[in-house]
Amino acid sequence: RRLLEAGEVGLANQLLVEPYQIEGVVVAGDQRGRQLGFPTANLQNIATLLPGDGVYSGRVSLNDQSVKCAINIGSNPTFNVVERKVEVHLIDATVELYDQMICVEFIQKVRDVKRFSSAEELRMQIESDVRQIRSTSF
C-alpha cells in the first residue's frame, strides 16, 4: 500500500501476483484531452486505493483485447484545476466508453504531474509520454 501511495507501481507489482488494477465508471470530463489530441476516459466511483499522483503506463482490456494506455492521476495544474482526477488515454484505439465500467492495469510510473507553461507544451509532453509507452513492451 505504501509503495502504491508513493507511485511506485513497478515495485508494488513485483510483490503482487498480477499488476495493480483499479475499476471505475467512465464519465464525461472537460474535453481538454480531446482538444489536445489525446482524448481520455475520466474514471469515477473507484473503490480501491489510487496510486500516488503521476503519469503511468498501463493497459485496459476491451473486447478480449489488451490496449496500452497512459494514465494520469492527480490535478491539472496547467489549467488551474486542483481536483484530483483519474484520466486514461487509450493508445492507438478509439472506443466510446461513456457510462461503462472499465478495469485499468498499472505497469510503471512514467513521470510526475507538473505545471506546463502552455497547453502546447503539455500537448508535446503527452505526445512524448505516449510515444514512450507505445514503444515499451509489456
Protein backbone atom coordinates (compact mmCIF):
# COMPACT_ATOMS: atom_id res chain seq x y z
CA ARG A 1 0.00 0.00 0.00
CA ARG A 2 2.82 2.40 0.83
CA LEU A 3 4.52 1.70 -2.49
CA LEU A 4 1.28 2.36 -4.38
CA GLU A 5 0.60 5.57 -2.46
CA ALA A 6 4.16 6.68 -3.31
CA GLY A 7 3.51 5.98 -7.01
CA GLU A 8 5.95 3.06 -7.06
CA VAL A 9 3.64 0.74 -9.00
CA GLY A 10 6.54 -1.04 -10.70
CA LEU A 11 7.95 -2.12 -7.32
CA ALA A 12 4.48 -2.91 -5.96
CA ASN A 13 3.79 -5.09 -8.99
CA GLN A 14 6.89 -7.16 -8.20
CA LEU A 15 5.28 -8.05 -4.86
CA LEU A 16 1.82 -8.74 -6.26
CA VAL A 17 0.58 -11.80 -8.11
CA GLU A 18 -0.62 -9.61 -11.01
CA PRO A 19 -0.27 -5.90 -11.86
CA TYR A 20 -2.23 -3.46 -9.70
CA GLN A 21 -5.68 -2.62 -11.09
CA ILE A 22 -8.48 -0.17 -10.47
CA GLU A 23 -12.03 -0.16 -11.79
CA GLY A 24 -14.14 2.88 -12.44
CA VAL A 25 -17.06 4.21 -14.43
CA VAL A 26 -16.22 6.41 -17.43
CA VAL A 27 -17.84 9.84 -17.14
CA ALA A 28 -17.76 12.99 -19.24
CA GLY A 29 -14.89 15.34 -18.46
CA ASP A 30 -13.88 18.82 -19.55
CA GLN A 31 -12.80 17.58 -23.02
CA ARG A 32 -9.32 19.10 -22.62
CA GLY A 33 -7.60 15.86 -23.60
CA ARG A 34 -9.68 15.67 -26.77
CA GLN A 35 -8.79 19.30 -27.60
CA LEU A 36 -5.10 18.43 -27.17
CA GLY A 37 -5.44 15.41 -29.47
CA PHE A 38 -5.40 12.85 -26.64
CA PRO A 39 -8.97 12.02 -25.58
CA THR A 40 -9.28 10.49 -22.14
CA ALA A 41 -11.72 8.27 -20.29
CA ASN A 42 -12.36 10.01 -16.97
CA LEU A 43 -12.97 7.48 -14.20
CA GLN A 44 -15.15 7.90 -11.14
CA ASN A 45 -16.60 5.59 -8.48
CA ILE A 46 -13.25 3.92 -7.85
CA ALA A 47 -13.50 1.79 -4.73
CA THR A 48 -9.83 0.84 -4.37
CA LEU A 49 -6.64 2.66 -3.39
CA LEU A 50 -5.34 5.06 -6.04
CA PRO A 51 -1.60 5.17 -6.70
CA GLY A 52 0.11 8.49 -5.97
CA ASP A 53 -0.22 11.39 -8.40
CA GLY A 54 1.64 10.90 -11.65
CA VAL A 55 1.53 9.66 -15.22
CA TYR A 56 1.63 5.88 -15.62
CA SER A 57 1.82 3.29 -18.35
CA GLY A 58 -0.87 0.65 -18.26
CA ARG A 59 -3.40 -1.34 -20.19
CA VAL A 60 -7.14 -1.75 -20.43
CA SER A 61 -8.94 -4.91 -21.54
CA LEU A 62 -11.56 -4.17 -24.19
CA ASN A 63 -13.44 -6.88 -26.06
CA ASP A 64 -10.88 -9.54 -25.12
CA GLN A 65 -8.09 -7.29 -26.38
CA SER A 66 -5.40 -5.58 -24.29
CA VAL A 67 -4.92 -1.90 -25.18
CA LYS A 68 -1.95 0.12 -23.93
CA CYS A 69 -2.83 3.33 -22.17
CA ALA A 70 -1.41 6.41 -20.48
CA ILE A 71 -2.97 7.10 -17.07
CA ASN A 72 -2.91 10.47 -15.33
CA ILE A 73 -3.75 10.61 -11.64
CA GLY A 74 -3.88 14.00 -9.99
CA SER A 75 -4.80 17.58 -10.65
CA ASN A 76 -4.44 19.52 -13.90
CA PRO A 77 -2.11 22.34 -12.78
CA THR A 78 -1.61 23.70 -16.30
CA PHE A 79 -5.33 24.57 -16.32
CA ASN A 80 -5.50 25.54 -12.61
CA VAL A 81 -7.71 22.53 -11.78
CA VAL A 82 -6.94 21.26 -8.28
CA GLU A 83 -9.48 18.41 -8.21
CA ARG A 84 -7.77 15.00 -8.22
CA LYS A 85 -8.83 13.01 -11.29
CA VAL A 86 -8.11 9.71 -12.98
CA GLU A 87 -7.80 10.08 -16.75
CA VAL A 88 -6.99 7.23 -19.12
CA HIS A 89 -5.86 7.74 -22.73
CA LEU A 90 -6.13 4.61 -24.88
CA ILE A 91 -3.14 4.38 -27.22
CA ASP A 92 -3.95 3.53 -30.84
CA ALA A 93 -7.60 2.75 -30.03
CA THR A 94 -10.78 4.77 -30.35
CA VAL A 95 -13.70 3.37 -28.39
CA GLU A 96 -16.82 5.01 -26.94
CA LEU A 97 -16.70 4.19 -23.20
CA TYR A 98 -19.10 6.62 -21.51
CA ASP A 99 -21.05 5.06 -18.62
CA GLN A 100 -19.07 1.80 -18.87
CA MET A 101 -17.10 0.20 -16.05
CA ILE A 102 -13.50 -0.38 -17.14
CA CYS A 103 -10.55 -2.03 -15.43
CA VAL A 104 -7.17 -0.28 -15.71
CA GLU A 105 -3.95 -2.16 -15.01
CA PHE A 106 -0.90 -0.16 -13.93
CA ILE A 107 2.56 -1.10 -15.21
CA GLN A 108 5.06 1.65 -14.39
CA LYS A 109 5.24 5.31 -13.42
CA VAL A 110 6.37 7.47 -16.34
CA ARG A 111 6.69 10.86 -14.63
CA ASP A 112 5.30 13.20 -12.00
CA VAL A 113 2.40 15.59 -12.63
CA LYS A 114 3.68 19.09 -13.34
CA ARG A 115 2.52 22.51 -14.49
CA PHE A 116 3.37 23.44 -18.07
CA SER A 117 3.66 26.99 -19.34
CA SER A 118 1.10 26.42 -22.10
CA ALA A 119 -1.38 23.90 -23.47
CA GLU A 120 1.02 23.35 -26.39
CA GLU A 121 3.89 22.47 -24.05
CA LEU A 122 1.58 19.99 -22.27
CA ARG A 123 0.49 18.52 -25.64
CA MET A 124 4.13 17.97 -26.60
CA GLN A 125 4.83 16.24 -23.26
CA ILE A 126 1.78 13.98 -23.62
CA GLU A 127 2.94 13.11 -27.13
CA SER A 128 6.34 12.14 -25.69
CA ASP A 129 4.70 10.11 -22.88
CA VAL A 130 2.52 8.22 -25.38
CA ARG A 131 5.48 7.55 -27.68
CA GLN A 132 7.43 6.14 -24.70
CA ILE A 133 4.55 3.94 -23.54
CA ARG A 134 3.79 2.71 -27.07
CA SER A 135 7.42 1.60 -27.54
CA THR A 136 7.60 -0.23 -24.19
CA SER A 137 6.88 -3.95 -24.26
CA PHE A 138 4.50 -5.21 -21.60
